[in-house]
Amino acid sequence: MYFVNAPFFLRWMYPKVLFNKSRKEKKVYLTFDDGPIPEVTPFVLETLAQHQIKATFFCVGENIQKHPSIFERILKEGHQVGNHTYNHLKGWETDDITYLENVEKCQELTKTNLFRPPYARAKKSQLRQLHHQYEVVFWDVLSGDFDTELSPEKCYQNVVRHTKNGAIIVFHDNIKATARLTYALPKAIIYLKQQGYSFDVL
């Protein structure tokens, strides 16, 4: 069970978390979670370059250490990076000290002011600490590309039907998402451009 649009109660529960940017500007913000990995991240980078778009990559620390050249390519091509923990931890299932140490281990590699908890699951006690150092980012539109039961076309429709000004859109550059990501991302970019949206980093 997941929400394509972040619901009101979630926004109410986490008032300091960033769910969207200004609704006044016709801009959207593409974000990618879980990379970098060689099987998917280069496709994302090539697609963004083709359309001259910059995006934000919430990177997992162990993937940065496994694939440093891809991480360097993300930076070299002018994209933004965020911290997504070192081991893609579920905050709800992890004690605070272990979780915060894991975030810090990733921070040594990312050196960023942005953090997104994997699965959008972090305890309030963890977030209280993280808010001192990071802009904590959730989402406005969740593509659902991680859902193996979702068709690629439905993934695309999730994005184009729910995106509005200021939307923070989540895709995943991981293996599980590949079939839906590679179909939906290029089509969604073309559609959103046709609707007059520009793209920016957070």
C-alpha atoms as a PDB file:
ATOM      1  CA  MET A   1       0.000   0.000   0.000  1.00  0.00           C
ATOM      2  CA  TYR A   2       1.395   3.385  -0.974  1.00  0.00           C
ATOM      3  CA  PHE A   3       0.068   6.810  -1.909  1.00  0.00           C
ATOM      4  CA  VAL A   4       0.856   8.259  -5.341  1.00  0.00           C
ATOM      5  CA  ASN A   5       0.139  11.700  -3.862  1.00  0.00           C
ATOM      6  CA  ALA A   6       1.410  12.381  -0.357  1.00  0.00           C
ATOM      7  CA  PRO A   7      -1.835  12.592   1.646  1.00  0.00           C
ATOM      8  CA  PHE A   8      -2.845  15.412   3.952  1.00  0.00           C
ATOM      9  CA  PHE A   9      -2.384  13.371   7.140  1.00  0.00           C
ATOM     10  CA  LEU A  10       1.247  12.607   6.212  1.00  0.00           C
ATOM     11  CA  ARG A  11       1.941  16.287   5.576  1.00  0.00           C
ATOM     12  CA  TRP A  12       0.274  17.090   8.897  1.00  0.00           C
ATOM     13  CA  MET A  13       2.333  14.480  10.763  1.00  0.00           C
ATOM     14  CA  TYR A  14       5.599  15.812   9.336  1.00  0.00           C
ATOM     15  CA  PRO A  15       5.219  19.609   9.133  1.00  0.00           C
ATOM     16  CA  LYS A  16       8.957  20.288   8.740  1.00  0.00           C
ATOM     17  CA  VAL A  17       9.391  17.851   5.837  1.00  0.00           C
ATOM     18  CA  LEU A  18       9.522  19.135   2.247  1.00  0.00           C
ATOM     19  CA  PHE A  19       6.768  17.556   0.124  1.00  0.00           C
ATOM     20  CA  ASN A  20       6.649  20.100  -2.711  1.00  0.00           C
ATOM     21  CA  LYS A  21       8.123  23.400  -3.774  1.00  0.00           C
ATOM     22  CA  SER A  22       6.249  26.593  -4.663  1.00  0.00           C
ATOM     23  CA  ARG A  23       2.906  26.054  -6.390  1.00  0.00           C
ATOM     24  CA  LYS A  24       3.250  29.477  -8.035  1.00  0.00           C
ATOM     25  CA  GLU A  25       5.960  28.429 -10.495  1.00  0.00           C
ATOM     26  CA  LYS A  26       5.404  25.978 -13.348  1.00  0.00           C
ATOM     27  CA  LYS A  27       8.377  23.901 -12.271  1.00  0.00           C
ATOM     28  CA  VAL A  28       8.766  20.267 -11.309  1.00  0.00           C
ATOM     29  CA  TYR A  29      11.556  18.436  -9.534  1.00  0.00           C
ATOM     30  CA  LEU A  30      12.643  14.961 -10.654  1.00  0.00           C
ATOM     31  CA  THR A  31      14.278  12.858  -7.946  1.00  0.00           C
ATOM     32  CA  PHE A  32      15.816   9.385  -8.136  1.00  0.00           C
ATOM     33  CA  ASP A  33      16.324   7.048  -5.172  1.00  0.00           C
ATOM     34  CA  ASP A  34      18.647   4.156  -4.376  1.00  0.00           C
ATOM     35  CA  GLY A  35      21.509   4.470  -6.896  1.00  0.00           C
ATOM     36  CA  PRO A  36      24.020   4.781  -8.224  1.00  0.00           C
ATOM     37  CA  ILE A  37      24.096   1.434 -10.002  1.00  0.00           C
ATOM     38  CA  PRO A  38      25.556   0.584 -13.441  1.00  0.00           C
ATOM     39  CA  GLU A  39      22.442  -1.203 -14.709  1.00  0.00           C
ATOM     40  CA  VAL A  40      20.101   1.814 -14.452  1.00  0.00           C
ATOM     41  CA  THR A  41      21.704   5.115 -13.432  1.00  0.00           C
ATOM     42  CA  PRO A  42      23.513   5.677 -16.774  1.00  0.00           C
ATOM     43  CA  PHE A  43      20.168   5.355 -18.583  1.00  0.00           C
ATOM     44  CA  VAL A  44      18.711   8.039 -16.310  1.00  0.00           C
ATOM     45  CA  LEU A  45      21.701  10.317 -16.873  1.00  0.00           C
ATOM     46  CA  GLU A  46      21.541   9.873 -20.643  1.00  0.00           C
ATOM     47  CA  THR A  47      17.800  10.597 -20.663  1.00  0.00           C
ATOM     48  CA  LEU A  48      18.271  13.747 -18.583  1.00  0.00           C
ATOM     49  CA  ALA A  49      21.143  14.907 -20.796  1.00  0.00           C
ATOM     50  CA  GLN A  50      19.081  14.357 -23.936  1.00  0.00           C
ATOM     51  CA  HIS A  51      16.408  16.689 -22.547  1.00  0.00           C
ATOM     52  CA  GLN A  52      18.883  19.087 -20.871  1.00  0.00           C
ATOM     53  CA  ILE A  53      17.367  18.507 -17.428  1.00  0.00           C
ATOM     54  CA  LYS A  54      19.012  18.561 -14.014  1.00  0.00           C
ATOM     55  CA  ALA A  55      17.665  16.313 -11.248  1.00  0.00           C
ATOM     56  CA  THR A  56      18.343  15.242  -7.668  1.00  0.00           C
ATOM     57  CA  PHE A  57      19.740  11.784  -6.856  1.00  0.00           C
ATOM     58  CA  PHE A  58      19.210  10.445  -3.342  1.00  0.00           C
ATOM     59  CA  CYS A  59      22.126   8.035  -3.170  1.00  0.00           C
ATOM     60  CA  VAL A  60      22.751   5.011  -0.970  1.00  0.00           C
ATOM     61  CA  GLY A  61      26.233   5.152   0.516  1.00  0.00           C
ATOM     62  CA  GLU A  62      27.200   1.543  -0.170  1.00  0.00           C
ATOM     63  CA  ASN A  63      26.242   2.014  -3.825  1.00  0.00           C
ATOM     64  CA  ILE A  64      28.450   5.100  -4.034  1.00  0.00           C
ATOM     65  CA  GLN A  65      31.369   3.067  -2.701  1.00  0.00           C
ATOM     66  CA  LYS A  66      30.681   0.200  -5.106  1.00  0.00           C
ATOM     67  CA  HIS A  67      30.264   2.481  -8.130  1.00  0.00           C
ATOM     68  CA  PRO A  68      32.250   5.669  -7.517  1.00  0.00           C
ATOM     69  CA  SER A  69      32.654   6.510 -11.195  1.00  0.00           C
ATOM     70  CA  ILE A  70      28.885   6.698 -11.679  1.00  0.00           C
ATOM     71  CA  PHE A  71      28.540   8.903  -8.614  1.00  0.00           C
ATOM     72  CA  GLU A  72      31.242  11.185  -9.991  1.00  0.00           C
ATOM     73  CA  ARG A  73      29.401  11.303 -13.301  1.00  0.00           C
ATOM     74  CA  ILE A  74      26.211  12.456 -11.511  1.00  0.00           C
ATOM     75  CA  LEU A  75      28.153  15.344  -9.993  1.00  0.00           C
ATOM     76  CA  LYS A  76      30.144  16.132 -13.133  1.00  0.00           C
ATOM     77  CA  GLU A  77      26.958  16.431 -15.182  1.00  0.00           C
ATOM     78  CA  GLY A  78      25.636  19.064 -12.799  1.00  0.00           C
ATOM     79  CA  HIS A  79      23.041  17.102 -10.866  1.00  0.00           C
ATOM     80  CA  GLN A  80      22.270  17.429  -7.179  1.00  0.00           C
ATOM     81  CA  VAL A  81      22.796  14.619  -4.672  1.00  0.00           C
ATOM     82  CA  GLY A  82      21.047  13.769  -1.431  1.00  0.00           C
ATOM     83  CA  ASN A  83      21.690  11.355   1.435  1.00  0.00           C
ATOM     84  CA  HIS A  84      19.573   8.160   1.448  1.00  0.00           C
ATOM     85  CA  THR A  85      21.418   6.383   4.315  1.00  0.00           C
ATOM     86  CA  TYR A  86      24.426   4.119   3.825  1.00  0.00           C
ATOM     87  CA  ASN A  87      22.516   0.801   3.823  1.00  0.00           C
ATOM     88  CA  HIS A  88      18.958   1.828   2.802  1.00  0.00           C
ATOM     89  CA  LEU A  89      17.693   1.378   6.347  1.00  0.00           C
ATOM     90  CA  LYS A  90      14.095   1.402   7.502  1.00  0.00           C
ATOM     91  CA  GLY A  91      14.027   3.968  10.264  1.00  0.00           C
ATOM     92  CA  TRP A  92      10.970   2.436  11.923  1.00  0.00           C
ATOM     93  CA  GLU A  93      12.873  -0.825  12.432  1.00  0.00           C
ATOM     94  CA  THR A  94      16.218   0.678  13.447  1.00  0.00           C
ATOM     95  CA  ASP A  95      17.284   2.186  16.770  1.00  0.00           C
ATOM     96  CA  ASP A  96      18.062   5.887  16.637  1.00  0.00           C
ATOM     97  CA  ILE A  97      21.805   5.673  17.277  1.00  0.00           C
ATOM     98  CA  THR A  98      22.343   3.059  14.559  1.00  0.00           C
ATOM     99  CA  TYR A  99      20.161   4.975  12.101  1.00  0.00           C
ATOM    100  CA  LEU A 100      21.832   8.336  12.658  1.00  0.00           C
ATOM    101  CA  GLU A 101      25.297   6.780  12.434  1.00  0.00           C
ATOM    102  CA  ASN A 102      24.282   5.177   9.138  1.00  0.00           C
ATOM    103  CA  VAL A 103      23.111   8.537   7.791  1.00  0.00           C
ATOM    104  CA  GLU A 104      26.394  10.120   8.864  1.00  0.00           C
ATOM    105  CA  LYS A 105      28.385   7.363   7.140  1.00  0.00           C
ATOM    106  CA  CYS A 106      26.569   8.192   3.896  1.00  0.00           C
ATOM    107  CA  GLN A 107      27.086  11.917   4.526  1.00  0.00           C
ATOM    108  CA  GLU A 108      30.858  11.421   4.449  1.00  0.00           C
ATOM    109  CA  LEU A 109      30.385  10.526   0.776  1.00  0.00           C
ATOM    110  CA  THR A 110      27.509  12.771  -0.292  1.00  0.00           C
ATOM    111  CA  LYS A 111      28.375  15.977   1.603  1.00  0.00           C
ATOM    112  CA  THR A 112      24.860  17.317   1.058  1.00  0.00           C
ATOM    113  CA  ASN A 113      22.184  19.229   2.945  1.00  0.00           C
ATOM    114  CA  LEU A 114      19.388  16.976   1.632  1.00  0.00           C
ATOM    115  CA  PHE A 115      18.130  13.751   3.210  1.00  0.00           C
ATOM    116  CA  ARG A 116      15.348  11.375   2.210  1.00  0.00           C
ATOM    117  CA  PRO A 117      14.550   8.426   4.486  1.00  0.00           C
ATOM    118  CA  PRO A 118      14.212   5.137   2.608  1.00  0.00           C
ATOM    119  CA  TYR A 119      10.564   4.060   2.344  1.00  0.00           C
ATOM    120  CA  ALA A 120       9.695   7.489   3.848  1.00  0.00           C
ATOM    121  CA  ARG A 121       9.931   5.674   7.177  1.00  0.00           C
ATOM    122  CA  ALA A 122      11.822   7.440   9.904  1.00  0.00           C
ATOM    123  CA  LYS A 123      10.843   7.871  13.519  1.00  0.00           C
ATOM    124  CA  LYS A 124      10.012  11.367  14.719  1.00  0.00           C
ATOM    125  CA  SER A 125      12.908  11.082  17.166  1.00  0.00           C
ATOM    126  CA  GLN A 126      15.259  10.425  14.235  1.00  0.00           C
ATOM    127  CA  LEU A 127      13.835  13.259  12.169  1.00  0.00           C
ATOM    128  CA  ARG A 128      14.156  15.692  15.074  1.00  0.00           C
ATOM    129  CA  GLN A 129      17.905  15.144  14.989  1.00  0.00           C
ATOM    130  CA  LEU A 130      18.152  15.154  11.206  1.00  0.00           C
ATOM    131  CA  HIS A 131      16.270  18.439  10.824  1.00  0.00           C
ATOM    132  CA  HIS A 132      19.214  20.201  12.494  1.00  0.00           C
ATOM    133  CA  GLN A 133      21.496  19.292   9.586  1.00  0.00           C
ATOM    134  CA  TYR A 134      19.299  18.477   6.596  1.00  0.00           C
ATOM    135  CA  GLU A 135      16.358  19.550   4.526  1.00  0.00           C
ATOM    136  CA  VAL A 136      14.304  16.338   4.840  1.00  0.00           C
ATOM    137  CA  VAL A 137      12.533  15.575   1.552  1.00  0.00           C
ATOM    138  CA  PHE A 138       9.580  13.262   0.969  1.00  0.00           C
ATOM    139  CA  TRP A 139       7.531  13.562  -2.220  1.00  0.00           C
ATOM    140  CA  ASP A 140       4.514  15.053  -3.901  1.00  0.00           C
ATOM    141  CA  VAL A 141       4.165  12.393  -6.628  1.00  0.00           C
ATOM    142  CA  LEU A 142       5.319   8.785  -6.273  1.00  0.00           C
ATOM    143  CA  SER A 143       5.620   7.106  -9.667  1.00  0.00           C
ATOM    144  CA  GLY A 144       5.254   3.595  -8.240  1.00  0.00           C
ATOM    145  CA  ASP A 145       8.065   2.313 -10.464  1.00  0.00           C
ATOM    146  CA  PHE A 146       9.248   0.066  -7.596  1.00  0.00           C
ATOM    147  CA  ASP A 147       5.920  -1.832  -7.717  1.00  0.00           C
ATOM    148  CA  THR A 148       6.504  -4.985  -9.791  1.00  0.00           C
ATOM    149  CA  GLU A 149       2.743  -5.505 -10.171  1.00  0.00           C
ATOM    150  CA  LEU A 150       2.299  -2.077 -11.766  1.00  0.00           C
ATOM    151  CA  SER A 151       2.336  -1.809 -15.552  1.00  0.00           C
ATOM    152  CA  PRO A 152       4.815   0.615 -17.161  1.00  0.00           C
ATOM    153  CA  GLU A 153       1.879   2.559 -18.627  1.00  0.00           C
ATOM    154  CA  LYS A 154       0.219   2.904 -15.212  1.00  0.00           C
ATOM    155  CA  CYS A 155       3.515   4.161 -13.800  1.00  0.00           C
ATOM    156  CA  TYR A 156       3.569   6.831 -16.509  1.00  0.00           C
ATOM    157  CA  GLN A 157      -0.057   7.740 -15.813  1.00  0.00           C
ATOM    158  CA  ASN A 158       0.674   8.073 -12.086  1.00  0.00           C
ATOM    159  CA  VAL A 159       3.137  10.826 -12.907  1.00  0.00           C
ATOM    160  CA  VAL A 160       1.282  12.782 -15.557  1.00  0.00           C
ATOM    161  CA  ARG A 161      -2.110  12.671 -13.833  1.00  0.00           C
ATOM    162  CA  HIS A 162      -0.871  13.857 -10.457  1.00  0.00           C
ATOM    163  CA  THR A 163       1.879  16.346 -11.294  1.00  0.00           C
ATOM    164  CA  LYS A 164       1.206  20.024 -10.715  1.00  0.00           C
ATOM    165  CA  ASN A 165       3.283  23.125 -10.068  1.00  0.00           C
ATOM    166  CA  GLY A 166       6.079  22.505  -7.577  1.00  0.00           C
ATOM    167  CA  ALA A 167       5.752  18.723  -7.626  1.00  0.00           C
ATOM    168  CA  ILE A 168       8.632  16.650  -6.268  1.00  0.00           C
ATOM    169  CA  ILE A 169       8.451  13.445  -8.323  1.00  0.00           C
ATOM    170  CA  VAL A 170      10.080  10.179  -7.249  1.00  0.00           C
ATOM    171  CA  PHE A 171      11.536   7.570  -9.572  1.00  0.00           C
ATOM    172  CA  HIS A 172      14.030   4.853  -8.602  1.00  0.00           C
ATOM    173  CA  ASP A 173      17.315   4.026 -10.311  1.00  0.00           C
ATOM    174  CA  ASN A 174      17.343   0.466  -9.027  1.00  0.00           C
ATOM    175  CA  ILE A 175      16.996  -2.954 -10.653  1.00  0.00           C
ATOM    176  CA  LYS A 176      13.437  -3.607  -9.500  1.00  0.00           C
ATOM    177  CA  ALA A 177      12.160  -0.409 -11.095  1.00  0.00           C
ATOM    178  CA  THR A 178      13.910  -0.792 -14.456  1.00  0.00           C
ATOM    179  CA  ALA A 179      11.003  -1.917 -16.664  1.00  0.00           C
ATOM    180  CA  ARG A 180       8.715   0.858 -15.446  1.00  0.00           C
ATOM    181  CA  LEU A 181      11.395   3.558 -15.168  1.00  0.00           C
ATOM    182  CA  THR A 182      12.759   3.087 -18.682  1.00  0.00           C
ATOM    183  CA  TYR A 183       9.236   3.303 -20.125  1.00  0.00           C
ATOM    184  CA  ALA A 184       7.739   6.045 -17.987  1.00  0.00           C
ATOM    185  CA  LEU A 185      10.598   8.509 -17.482  1.00  0.00           C
ATOM    186  CA  PRO A 186      11.195   9.576 -21.105  1.00  0.00           C
ATOM    187  CA  LYS A 187       7.477   9.727 -21.846  1.00  0.00           C
ATOM    188  CA  ALA A 188       6.739  11.730 -18.707  1.00  0.00           C
ATOM    189  CA  ILE A 189       9.492  14.241 -19.485  1.00  0.00           C
ATOM    190  CA  ILE A 190       8.157  14.790 -23.002  1.00  0.00           C
ATOM    191  CA  TYR A 191       4.584  15.182 -21.740  1.00  0.00           C
ATOM    192  CA  LEU A 192       5.500  17.590 -18.944  1.00  0.00           C
ATOM    193  CA  LYS A 193       7.592  19.695 -21.310  1.00  0.00           C
ATOM    194  CA  GLN A 194       4.638  19.861 -23.685  1.00  0.00           C
ATOM    195  CA  GLN A 195       2.519  21.121 -20.777  1.00  0.00           C
ATOM    196  CA  GLY A 196       4.958  23.976 -20.250  1.00  0.00           C
ATOM    197  CA  TYR A 197       6.788  22.701 -17.175  1.00  0.00           C
ATOM    198  CA  SER A 198      10.457  23.404 -16.574  1.00  0.00           C
ATOM    199  CA  PHE A 199      12.674  21.170 -14.444  1.00  0.00           C
ATOM    200  CA  ASP A 200      14.988  22.097 -11.589  1.00  0.00           C
ATOM    201  CA  VAL A 201      16.944  20.702  -8.648  1.00  0.00           C
ATOM    202  CA  LEU A 202      15.671  21.055  -5.102  1.00  0.00           C
END
